[in-house]
Amino acid sequence: MPDHESLAGLAARLEALESRTAHQEHWLDQLDEAVASQERRLQELLRLSALMQGRLREQQQALSDQAEGGDPSQELPPHY
């Protein structure tokens, strides 16, 4: 039969392990939330990047069209 001191020692070790496990679970939850937040932010930045790339292409196309002669209604008459 185990003595009282060894049972007390085992109980203390078990309590310490449970405390460490609870602490680690807390930090894992915090890290999980941080990763999820970063993923949401990354998705938003990717969406904005795609939007800006589209607008840049539109502007480049408009400049290219303008350089090729563009819209005659936008040109100034020769006497200006």
C-alpha atoms as a PDB file:
ATOM      1  CA  MET A   1       0.000   0.000   0.000  1.00  0.00           C
ATOM      2  CA  PRO A   2       1.465   3.394  -1.023  1.00  0.00           C
ATOM      3  CA  ASP A   3       2.241   5.746   1.788  1.00  0.00           C
ATOM      4  CA  HIS A   4       0.517   9.075   2.358  1.00  0.00           C
ATOM      5  CA  GLU A   5       3.505  11.173   1.200  1.00  0.00           C
ATOM      6  CA  SER A   6       3.746   9.480  -2.184  1.00  0.00           C
ATOM      7  CA  LEU A   7       0.000   9.993  -2.737  1.00  0.00           C
ATOM      8  CA  ALA A   8       0.338  13.644  -1.801  1.00  0.00           C
ATOM      9  CA  GLY A   9       3.311  13.964  -4.143  1.00  0.00           C
ATOM     10  CA  LEU A  10       1.377  12.358  -6.995  1.00  0.00           C
ATOM     11  CA  ALA A  11      -1.605  14.607  -6.329  1.00  0.00           C
ATOM     12  CA  ALA A  12       0.650  17.676  -6.401  1.00  0.00           C
ATOM     13  CA  ARG A  13       2.235  16.541  -9.676  1.00  0.00           C
ATOM     14  CA  LEU A  14      -1.180  15.860 -11.167  1.00  0.00           C
ATOM     15  CA  GLU A  15      -2.419  19.290 -10.094  1.00  0.00           C
ATOM     16  CA  ALA A  16       0.675  20.942 -11.608  1.00  0.00           C
ATOM     17  CA  LEU A  17       0.155  19.060 -14.885  1.00  0.00           C
ATOM     18  CA  GLU A  18      -3.504  20.045 -14.988  1.00  0.00           C
ATOM     19  CA  SER A  19      -2.564  23.674 -14.377  1.00  0.00           C
ATOM     20  CA  ARG A  20       0.045  23.599 -17.152  1.00  0.00           C
ATOM     21  CA  THR A  21      -2.436  21.960 -19.514  1.00  0.00           C
ATOM     22  CA  ALA A  22      -5.063  24.617 -18.776  1.00  0.00           C
ATOM     23  CA  HIS A  23      -2.466  27.353 -19.354  1.00  0.00           C
ATOM     24  CA  GLN A  24      -1.388  25.785 -22.658  1.00  0.00           C
ATOM     25  CA  GLU A  25      -5.007  25.402 -23.802  1.00  0.00           C
ATOM     26  CA  HIS A  26      -5.585  29.079 -23.048  1.00  0.00           C
ATOM     27  CA  TRP A  27      -2.577  30.108 -25.176  1.00  0.00           C
ATOM     28  CA  LEU A  28      -3.557  27.722 -27.967  1.00  0.00           C
ATOM     29  CA  ASP A  29      -6.991  29.344 -28.058  1.00  0.00           C
ATOM     30  CA  GLN A  30      -5.344  32.781 -28.205  1.00  0.00           C
ATOM     31  CA  LEU A  31      -3.010  31.682 -31.004  1.00  0.00           C
ATOM     32  CA  ASP A  32      -5.892  30.118 -32.912  1.00  0.00           C
ATOM     33  CA  GLU A  33      -7.812  33.393 -32.761  1.00  0.00           C
ATOM     34  CA  ALA A  34      -4.730  35.327 -33.893  1.00  0.00           C
ATOM     35  CA  VAL A  35      -4.244  33.009 -36.870  1.00  0.00           C
ATOM     36  CA  ALA A  36      -7.925  33.262 -37.807  1.00  0.00           C
ATOM     37  CA  SER A  37      -7.752  37.059 -37.574  1.00  0.00           C
ATOM     38  CA  GLN A  38      -4.658  37.152 -39.770  1.00  0.00           C
ATOM     39  CA  GLU A  39      -6.359  34.873 -42.307  1.00  0.00           C
ATOM     40  CA  ARG A  40      -9.355  37.209 -42.477  1.00  0.00           C
ATOM     41  CA  ARG A  41      -7.035  40.208 -42.917  1.00  0.00           C
ATOM     42  CA  LEU A  42      -5.062  38.407 -45.626  1.00  0.00           C
ATOM     43  CA  GLN A  43      -8.254  37.600 -47.534  1.00  0.00           C
ATOM     44  CA  GLU A  44      -9.330  41.253 -47.342  1.00  0.00           C
ATOM     45  CA  LEU A  45      -5.921  42.429 -48.582  1.00  0.00           C
ATOM     46  CA  LEU A  46      -6.031  39.937 -51.463  1.00  0.00           C
ATOM     47  CA  ARG A  47      -9.499  41.212 -52.401  1.00  0.00           C
ATOM     48  CA  LEU A  48      -8.304  44.827 -52.345  1.00  0.00           C
ATOM     49  CA  SER A  49      -5.206  43.936 -54.361  1.00  0.00           C
ATOM     50  CA  ALA A  50      -7.322  42.281 -57.058  1.00  0.00           C
ATOM     51  CA  LEU A  51      -9.620  45.316 -57.140  1.00  0.00           C
ATOM     52  CA  MET A  52      -6.672  47.697 -57.483  1.00  0.00           C
ATOM     53  CA  GLN A  53      -5.105  45.561 -60.212  1.00  0.00           C
ATOM     54  CA  GLY A  54      -8.361  45.706 -62.150  1.00  0.00           C
ATOM     55  CA  ARG A  55      -8.553  49.474 -61.824  1.00  0.00           C
ATOM     56  CA  LEU A  56      -4.919  49.838 -62.852  1.00  0.00           C
ATOM     57  CA  ARG A  57      -5.571  47.751 -65.965  1.00  0.00           C
ATOM     58  CA  GLU A  58      -8.570  49.958 -66.789  1.00  0.00           C
ATOM     59  CA  GLN A  59      -6.454  53.098 -66.432  1.00  0.00           C
ATOM     60  CA  GLN A  60      -3.651  51.640 -68.528  1.00  0.00           C
ATOM     61  CA  GLN A  61      -6.165  50.701 -71.221  1.00  0.00           C
ATOM     62  CA  ALA A  62      -7.667  54.210 -71.149  1.00  0.00           C
ATOM     63  CA  LEU A  63      -4.208  55.760 -71.494  1.00  0.00           C
ATOM     64  CA  SER A  64      -3.376  53.386 -74.305  1.00  0.00           C
ATOM     65  CA  ASP A  65      -6.632  54.231 -76.106  1.00  0.00           C
ATOM     66  CA  GLN A  66      -5.948  57.937 -75.620  1.00  0.00           C
ATOM     67  CA  ALA A  67      -2.430  57.605 -77.038  1.00  0.00           C
ATOM     68  CA  GLU A  68      -3.795  55.824 -80.112  1.00  0.00           C
ATOM     69  CA  GLY A  69      -6.087  58.676 -80.972  1.00  0.00           C
ATOM     70  CA  GLY A  70      -8.593  58.385 -78.209  1.00  0.00           C
ATOM     71  CA  ASP A  71     -12.031  59.834 -78.264  1.00  0.00           C
ATOM     72  CA  PRO A  72     -12.345  62.664 -80.840  1.00  0.00           C
ATOM     73  CA  SER A  73     -14.966  64.405 -78.711  1.00  0.00           C
ATOM     74  CA  GLN A  74     -12.315  64.920 -76.006  1.00  0.00           C
ATOM     75  CA  GLU A  75      -9.816  66.613 -78.348  1.00  0.00           C
ATOM     76  CA  LEU A  76      -9.471  70.393 -78.478  1.00  0.00           C
ATOM     77  CA  PRO A  77     -10.037  72.118 -81.791  1.00  0.00           C
ATOM     78  CA  PRO A  78      -6.823  73.247 -83.577  1.00  0.00           C
ATOM     79  CA  HIS A  79      -7.365  76.943 -82.821  1.00  0.00           C
ATOM     80  CA  TYR A  80      -6.935  76.389 -79.016  1.00  0.00           C
END
